[in-house]
Amino acid sequence: GYEWGKLLERPEGKLVNLAQEVAWAWRELPVPVLAVTHGICYGGGLQIALGADFRFSTPDCKFSIMEAKWGLVPDMSGSVLLRELISIDLAKELTMTARVFDGAKAKEYGLISHVSETPYEDAVALAKEITTRSPDSVAATKLLFNATWDAPEARALELETEIQTKLLLPPLKNTMASASQGLGLPKAVQLNFKDRQPEWRGTLEGTPFEK
């Protein structure tokens, strides 16, 4: 049979073990990850959703940090993912009790970004809105906040500068396209790379912020 111990082994040089990578992997992608939940989202399923950048849910979706029911702790990156969203006392309470709560309560707690009867459509709408922005800027924003949310102020400010410097380096195609759009320049004079090719440069050549 399968050796469950392998899930907890951390390969040399990696930050996470195999079980943790299931949820942590979303953070490593240089693109926004949107999770949509409905029905039941317990235990590992909740941790996978927490790894996303945005979470959309129906108000009646059932959530639980269920591991305590089996005498366990959340071990799919939950300790890091939870601390960025809720207070330590609430994290302890929900984990120790394995309490079941709905989507509306999850939004109140801060675990869910948006709650509605049409979470999938709402997620698609946000994704489409984000695609109107430079993929370099989007990837840089994700990296910046993920890397600095709990970092010392000095490191956060330093990384801001490092990332902004990359965005200001040539060829600047996506940056200039975004600036032209932001200024509302006429299409005829916009330095808009999207008018010249069907995609943003980052989607064709990879962004400078891939890990």
C-alpha atoms as a PDB file:
ATOM      1  CA  GLY A   1       0.000   0.000   0.000  1.00  0.00           C
ATOM      2  CA  TYR A   2       0.879   3.660  -0.141  1.00  0.00           C
ATOM      3  CA  GLU A   3       3.409   4.857   2.407  1.00  0.00           C
ATOM      4  CA  TRP A   4       1.699   7.874   3.976  1.00  0.00           C
ATOM      5  CA  GLY A   5       5.009   8.989   5.464  1.00  0.00           C
ATOM      6  CA  LYS A   6       6.060  10.072   1.982  1.00  0.00           C
ATOM      7  CA  LEU A   7       3.495  12.883   2.131  1.00  0.00           C
ATOM      8  CA  LEU A   8       5.340  14.385   5.093  1.00  0.00           C
ATOM      9  CA  GLU A   9       8.841  14.072   3.669  1.00  0.00           C
ATOM     10  CA  ARG A  10      10.352  17.373   2.612  1.00  0.00           C
ATOM     11  CA  PRO A  11      12.586  17.001  -0.461  1.00  0.00           C
ATOM     12  CA  GLU A  12      15.990  18.601  -0.102  1.00  0.00           C
ATOM     13  CA  GLY A  13      15.928  22.255  -1.031  1.00  0.00           C
ATOM     14  CA  LYS A  14      12.124  22.554  -0.989  1.00  0.00           C
ATOM     15  CA  LEU A  15      10.116  24.746   1.363  1.00  0.00           C
ATOM     16  CA  VAL A  16       7.162  22.372   1.604  1.00  0.00           C
ATOM     17  CA  ASN A  17       6.472  18.658   1.746  1.00  0.00           C
ATOM     18  CA  LEU A  18       4.162  16.903  -0.702  1.00  0.00           C
ATOM     19  CA  ALA A  19       1.020  17.355   1.398  1.00  0.00           C
ATOM     20  CA  GLN A  20       1.719  21.062   1.887  1.00  0.00           C
ATOM     21  CA  GLU A  21       2.507  21.617  -1.767  1.00  0.00           C
ATOM     22  CA  VAL A  22      -1.077  20.783  -2.757  1.00  0.00           C
ATOM     23  CA  ALA A  23      -2.244  24.107  -1.306  1.00  0.00           C
ATOM     24  CA  TRP A  24       1.052  26.034  -1.391  1.00  0.00           C
ATOM     25  CA  ALA A  25       1.523  25.505  -5.134  1.00  0.00           C
ATOM     26  CA  TRP A  26      -1.064  28.187  -5.924  1.00  0.00           C
ATOM     27  CA  ARG A  27       1.195  30.778  -4.321  1.00  0.00           C
ATOM     28  CA  GLU A  28       4.128  29.812  -6.528  1.00  0.00           C
ATOM     29  CA  LEU A  29       2.250  30.510  -9.777  1.00  0.00           C
ATOM     30  CA  PRO A  30       2.996  33.973 -11.265  1.00  0.00           C
ATOM     31  CA  VAL A  31      -0.716  34.447 -12.010  1.00  0.00           C
ATOM     32  CA  PRO A  32      -3.761  35.068  -9.809  1.00  0.00           C
ATOM     33  CA  VAL A  33      -5.545  31.908  -8.640  1.00  0.00           C
ATOM     34  CA  LEU A  34      -9.288  32.136  -8.005  1.00  0.00           C
ATOM     35  CA  ALA A  35     -11.102  29.435  -6.041  1.00  0.00           C
ATOM     36  CA  VAL A  36     -14.874  28.897  -6.190  1.00  0.00           C
ATOM     37  CA  THR A  37     -16.558  26.815  -3.484  1.00  0.00           C
ATOM     38  CA  HIS A  38     -20.032  25.380  -3.063  1.00  0.00           C
ATOM     39  CA  GLY A  39     -21.537  22.402  -1.261  1.00  0.00           C
ATOM     40  CA  ILE A  40     -18.998  21.147   1.281  1.00  0.00           C
ATOM     41  CA  CYS A  41     -15.421  22.351   1.760  1.00  0.00           C
ATOM     42  CA  TYR A  42     -13.828  20.564   4.712  1.00  0.00           C
ATOM     43  CA  GLY A  43     -10.274  19.947   5.885  1.00  0.00           C
ATOM     44  CA  GLY A  44      -7.868  19.627   2.991  1.00  0.00           C
ATOM     45  CA  GLY A  45     -10.391  21.132   0.596  1.00  0.00           C
ATOM     46  CA  LEU A  46     -10.522  24.302   2.676  1.00  0.00           C
ATOM     47  CA  GLN A  47      -6.737  24.519   2.842  1.00  0.00           C
ATOM     48  CA  ILE A  48      -6.511  24.183  -0.949  1.00  0.00           C
ATOM     49  CA  ALA A  49      -8.996  27.039  -1.300  1.00  0.00           C
ATOM     50  CA  LEU A  50      -7.053  29.153   1.209  1.00  0.00           C
ATOM     51  CA  GLY A  51      -3.973  28.833  -0.989  1.00  0.00           C
ATOM     52  CA  ALA A  52      -5.741  30.750  -3.753  1.00  0.00           C
ATOM     53  CA  ASP A  53      -5.429  34.509  -4.124  1.00  0.00           C
ATOM     54  CA  PHE A  54      -9.190  35.038  -4.121  1.00  0.00           C
ATOM     55  CA  ARG A  55     -12.041  32.870  -2.858  1.00  0.00           C
ATOM     56  CA  PHE A  56     -15.649  33.035  -4.023  1.00  0.00           C
ATOM     57  CA  SER A  57     -18.420  31.049  -2.348  1.00  0.00           C
ATOM     58  CA  THR A  58     -22.133  30.506  -2.133  1.00  0.00           C
ATOM     59  CA  PRO A  59     -23.589  31.672   1.194  1.00  0.00           C
ATOM     60  CA  ASP A  60     -24.689  28.125   2.104  1.00  0.00           C
ATOM     61  CA  CYS A  61     -21.385  26.359   1.388  1.00  0.00           C
ATOM     62  CA  LYS A  62     -20.249  24.442   4.474  1.00  0.00           C
ATOM     63  CA  PHE A  63     -16.698  24.932   5.741  1.00  0.00           C
ATOM     64  CA  SER A  64     -14.666  23.340   8.509  1.00  0.00           C
ATOM     65  CA  ILE A  65     -11.061  22.983   9.586  1.00  0.00           C
ATOM     66  CA  MET A  66     -12.026  19.383  10.144  1.00  0.00           C
ATOM     67  CA  GLU A  67      -8.702  17.790  11.122  1.00  0.00           C
ATOM     68  CA  ALA A  68      -9.412  17.917  14.879  1.00  0.00           C
ATOM     69  CA  LYS A  69     -12.272  15.475  14.317  1.00  0.00           C
ATOM     70  CA  TRP A  70      -9.616  12.867  13.499  1.00  0.00           C
ATOM     71  CA  GLY A  71      -7.189  13.984  16.195  1.00  0.00           C
ATOM     72  CA  LEU A  72      -4.958  15.793  13.706  1.00  0.00           C
ATOM     73  CA  VAL A  73      -3.877  19.332  12.828  1.00  0.00           C
ATOM     74  CA  PRO A  74      -4.176  21.104   9.460  1.00  0.00           C
ATOM     75  CA  ASP A  75      -0.982  20.124   7.684  1.00  0.00           C
ATOM     76  CA  MET A  76      -1.434  21.318   4.099  1.00  0.00           C
ATOM     77  CA  SER A  77       0.139  24.747   4.699  1.00  0.00           C
ATOM     78  CA  GLY A  78      -2.804  25.715   6.910  1.00  0.00           C
ATOM     79  CA  SER A  79      -0.659  27.276   9.620  1.00  0.00           C
ATOM     80  CA  VAL A  80       0.666  29.880   7.188  1.00  0.00           C
ATOM     81  CA  LEU A  81      -2.462  30.345   5.081  1.00  0.00           C
ATOM     82  CA  LEU A  82      -4.716  30.908   8.089  1.00  0.00           C
ATOM     83  CA  ARG A  83      -2.475  33.440   9.802  1.00  0.00           C
ATOM     84  CA  GLU A  84      -2.648  35.771   6.802  1.00  0.00           C
ATOM     85  CA  LEU A  85      -6.440  35.870   6.920  1.00  0.00           C
ATOM     86  CA  ILE A  86      -7.668  35.609  10.524  1.00  0.00           C
ATOM     87  CA  SER A  87      -6.549  36.283  14.086  1.00  0.00           C
ATOM     88  CA  ILE A  88      -4.655  33.648  16.044  1.00  0.00           C
ATOM     89  CA  ASP A  89      -7.435  33.152  18.580  1.00  0.00           C
ATOM     90  CA  LEU A  90     -10.022  32.534  15.844  1.00  0.00           C
ATOM     91  CA  ALA A  91      -7.646  30.150  14.063  1.00  0.00           C
ATOM     92  CA  LYS A  92      -7.213  28.181  17.283  1.00  0.00           C
ATOM     93  CA  GLU A  93     -10.944  28.149  17.997  1.00  0.00           C
ATOM     94  CA  LEU A  94     -11.983  26.935  14.555  1.00  0.00           C
ATOM     95  CA  THR A  95      -9.193  24.354  14.471  1.00  0.00           C
ATOM     96  CA  MET A  96      -9.639  22.997  17.990  1.00  0.00           C
ATOM     97  CA  THR A  97     -13.415  22.641  17.621  1.00  0.00           C
ATOM     98  CA  ALA A  98     -13.623  21.537  13.954  1.00  0.00           C
ATOM     99  CA  ARG A  99     -16.737  23.717  13.906  1.00  0.00           C
ATOM    100  CA  VAL A 100     -18.824  23.743  10.727  1.00  0.00           C
ATOM    101  CA  PHE A 101     -19.770  27.208   9.445  1.00  0.00           C
ATOM    102  CA  ASP A 102     -21.360  28.521   6.265  1.00  0.00           C
ATOM    103  CA  GLY A 103     -20.116  30.810   3.505  1.00  0.00           C
ATOM    104  CA  ALA A 104     -21.659  33.911   5.023  1.00  0.00           C
ATOM    105  CA  LYS A 105     -19.851  33.270   8.297  1.00  0.00           C
ATOM    106  CA  ALA A 106     -16.631  32.464   6.419  1.00  0.00           C
ATOM    107  CA  LYS A 107     -16.855  35.903   4.785  1.00  0.00           C
ATOM    108  CA  GLU A 108     -17.399  37.473   8.198  1.00  0.00           C
ATOM    109  CA  TYR A 109     -14.327  35.647   9.521  1.00  0.00           C
ATOM    110  CA  GLY A 110     -12.223  36.812   6.561  1.00  0.00           C
ATOM    111  CA  LEU A 111     -11.663  33.370   5.031  1.00  0.00           C
ATOM    112  CA  ILE A 112     -13.694  34.118   1.901  1.00  0.00           C
ATOM    113  CA  SER A 113     -13.243  37.105  -0.409  1.00  0.00           C
ATOM    114  CA  HIS A 114     -16.737  37.286  -1.904  1.00  0.00           C
ATOM    115  CA  VAL A 115     -20.054  35.560  -1.202  1.00  0.00           C
ATOM    116  CA  SER A 116     -22.981  35.424  -3.632  1.00  0.00           C
ATOM    117  CA  GLU A 117     -25.414  33.077  -5.321  1.00  0.00           C
ATOM    118  CA  THR A 118     -23.257  33.244  -8.475  1.00  0.00           C
ATOM    119  CA  PRO A 119     -19.679  32.762  -7.265  1.00  0.00           C
ATOM    120  CA  TYR A 120     -18.370  31.260 -10.500  1.00  0.00           C
ATOM    121  CA  GLU A 121     -19.671  34.124 -12.620  1.00  0.00           C
ATOM    122  CA  ASP A 122     -18.239  36.619 -10.126  1.00  0.00           C
ATOM    123  CA  ALA A 123     -14.854  34.916 -10.260  1.00  0.00           C
ATOM    124  CA  VAL A 124     -14.832  34.982 -14.060  1.00  0.00           C
ATOM    125  CA  ALA A 125     -15.712  38.683 -13.999  1.00  0.00           C
ATOM    126  CA  LEU A 126     -12.777  39.452 -11.716  1.00  0.00           C
ATOM    127  CA  ALA A 127     -10.433  37.333 -13.824  1.00  0.00           C
ATOM    128  CA  LYS A 128     -11.471  39.229 -16.945  1.00  0.00           C
ATOM    129  CA  GLU A 129     -10.947  42.549 -15.177  1.00  0.00           C
ATOM    130  CA  ILE A 130      -7.449  41.536 -14.083  1.00  0.00           C
ATOM    131  CA  THR A 131      -6.527  40.482 -17.629  1.00  0.00           C
ATOM    132  CA  THR A 132      -6.918  44.090 -18.743  1.00  0.00           C
ATOM    133  CA  ARG A 133      -3.787  44.898 -16.719  1.00  0.00           C
ATOM    134  CA  SER A 134      -0.181  44.129 -17.508  1.00  0.00           C
ATOM    135  CA  PRO A 135       0.679  40.515 -16.590  1.00  0.00           C
ATOM    136  CA  ASP A 136       4.057  41.758 -15.359  1.00  0.00           C
ATOM    137  CA  SER A 137       2.367  44.121 -12.909  1.00  0.00           C
ATOM    138  CA  VAL A 138      -0.109  41.447 -11.804  1.00  0.00           C
ATOM    139  CA  ALA A 139       2.639  38.863 -11.225  1.00  0.00           C
ATOM    140  CA  ALA A 140       4.768  41.442  -9.434  1.00  0.00           C
ATOM    141  CA  THR A 141       1.893  42.427  -7.161  1.00  0.00           C
ATOM    142  CA  LYS A 142       1.263  38.818  -6.171  1.00  0.00           C
ATOM    143  CA  LEU A 143       4.939  38.251  -5.442  1.00  0.00           C
ATOM    144  CA  LEU A 144       5.242  41.519  -3.515  1.00  0.00           C
ATOM    145  CA  PHE A 145       2.365  40.917  -1.133  1.00  0.00           C
ATOM    146  CA  ASN A 146       3.007  37.201  -0.653  1.00  0.00           C
ATOM    147  CA  ALA A 147       6.639  37.886   0.181  1.00  0.00           C
ATOM    148  CA  THR A 148       6.145  40.929   2.410  1.00  0.00           C
ATOM    149  CA  TRP A 149       2.838  40.484   4.250  1.00  0.00           C
ATOM    150  CA  ASP A 150       4.549  39.281   7.422  1.00  0.00           C
ATOM    151  CA  ALA A 151       8.070  40.432   6.569  1.00  0.00           C
ATOM    152  CA  PRO A 152       9.993  43.085   8.522  1.00  0.00           C
ATOM    153  CA  GLU A 153       9.350  46.605   7.261  1.00  0.00           C
ATOM    154  CA  ALA A 154      12.903  47.019   5.991  1.00  0.00           C
ATOM    155  CA  ARG A 155      12.679  43.875   3.859  1.00  0.00           C
ATOM    156  CA  ALA A 156       9.230  44.804   2.539  1.00  0.00           C
ATOM    157  CA  LEU A 157      10.379  48.245   1.432  1.00  0.00           C
ATOM    158  CA  GLU A 158      13.537  46.803  -0.085  1.00  0.00           C
ATOM    159  CA  LEU A 159      11.554  44.278  -2.120  1.00  0.00           C
ATOM    160  CA  GLU A 160       9.200  47.015  -3.315  1.00  0.00           C
ATOM    161  CA  THR A 161      12.174  48.771  -4.843  1.00  0.00           C
ATOM    162  CA  GLU A 162      13.620  45.585  -6.337  1.00  0.00           C
ATOM    163  CA  ILE A 163      10.357  44.678  -8.039  1.00  0.00           C
ATOM    164  CA  GLN A 164       9.628  48.201  -9.266  1.00  0.00           C
ATOM    165  CA  THR A 165      13.109  48.374 -10.750  1.00  0.00           C
ATOM    166  CA  LYS A 166      12.400  45.244 -12.795  1.00  0.00           C
ATOM    167  CA  LEU A 167       9.162  46.749 -14.073  1.00  0.00           C
ATOM    168  CA  LEU A 168      10.998  49.906 -15.167  1.00  0.00           C
ATOM    169  CA  LEU A 169      13.708  48.088 -17.112  1.00  0.00           C
ATOM    170  CA  PRO A 170      13.509  47.830 -20.942  1.00  0.00           C
ATOM    171  CA  PRO A 171      11.742  46.741 -23.078  1.00  0.00           C
ATOM    172  CA  LEU A 172       8.855  48.153 -20.989  1.00  0.00           C
ATOM    173  CA  LYS A 173       6.269  46.986 -23.529  1.00  0.00           C
ATOM    174  CA  ASN A 174       3.631  46.007 -21.005  1.00  0.00           C
ATOM    175  CA  THR A 175       4.441  48.931 -18.719  1.00  0.00           C
ATOM    176  CA  MET A 176       4.126  51.453 -21.554  1.00  0.00           C
ATOM    177  CA  ALA A 177       0.917  49.830 -22.766  1.00  0.00           C
ATOM    178  CA  SER A 178      -0.577  50.114 -19.286  1.00  0.00           C
ATOM    179  CA  ALA A 179       0.576  53.723 -18.900  1.00  0.00           C
ATOM    180  CA  SER A 180      -0.942  54.670 -22.261  1.00  0.00           C
ATOM    181  CA  GLN A 181      -4.244  53.069 -21.332  1.00  0.00           C
ATOM    182  CA  GLY A 182      -4.202  54.757 -17.942  1.00  0.00           C
ATOM    183  CA  LEU A 183      -3.694  58.164 -19.566  1.00  0.00           C
ATOM    184  CA  GLY A 184      -6.643  57.529 -21.859  1.00  0.00           C
ATOM    185  CA  LEU A 185      -4.648  58.267 -24.994  1.00  0.00           C
ATOM    186  CA  PRO A 186      -6.411  57.776 -28.331  1.00  0.00           C
ATOM    187  CA  LYS A 187      -5.978  54.327 -29.804  1.00  0.00           C
ATOM    188  CA  ALA A 188      -4.100  55.760 -32.757  1.00  0.00           C
ATOM    189  CA  VAL A 189      -1.268  56.988 -30.563  1.00  0.00           C
ATOM    190  CA  GLN A 190      -1.358  54.502 -27.710  1.00  0.00           C
ATOM    191  CA  LEU A 191       1.837  52.533 -27.112  1.00  0.00           C
ATOM    192  CA  ASN A 192      -0.413  49.537 -26.680  1.00  0.00           C
ATOM    193  CA  PHE A 193       1.298  46.201 -27.214  1.00  0.00           C
ATOM    194  CA  LYS A 194      -2.069  44.454 -27.131  1.00  0.00           C
ATOM    195  CA  ASP A 195      -3.021  46.275 -30.355  1.00  0.00           C
ATOM    196  CA  ARG A 196       0.050  44.880 -32.059  1.00  0.00           C
ATOM    197  CA  GLN A 197      -0.177  41.279 -30.931  1.00  0.00           C
ATOM    198  CA  PRO A 198      -3.103  39.236 -29.585  1.00  0.00           C
ATOM    199  CA  GLU A 199      -1.628  38.807 -26.114  1.00  0.00           C
ATOM    200  CA  TRP A 200       0.289  40.722 -23.506  1.00  0.00           C
ATOM    201  CA  ARG A 201       4.020  40.133 -23.763  1.00  0.00           C
ATOM    202  CA  GLY A 202       4.111  38.280 -20.444  1.00  0.00           C
ATOM    203  CA  THR A 203       1.760  35.563 -21.649  1.00  0.00           C
ATOM    204  CA  LEU A 204       3.966  34.892 -24.638  1.00  0.00           C
ATOM    205  CA  GLU A 205       7.465  35.173 -23.211  1.00  0.00           C
ATOM    206  CA  GLY A 206       6.962  34.494 -19.516  1.00  0.00           C
ATOM    207  CA  THR A 207       6.995  37.188 -16.861  1.00  0.00           C
ATOM    208  CA  PRO A 208      10.202  38.368 -15.145  1.00  0.00           C
ATOM    209  CA  PHE A 209       8.644  37.325 -11.850  1.00  0.00           C
ATOM    210  CA  GLU A 210       8.371  33.569 -12.373  1.00  0.00           C
ATOM    211  CA  LYS A 211      10.161  31.675  -9.620  1.00  0.00           C
END
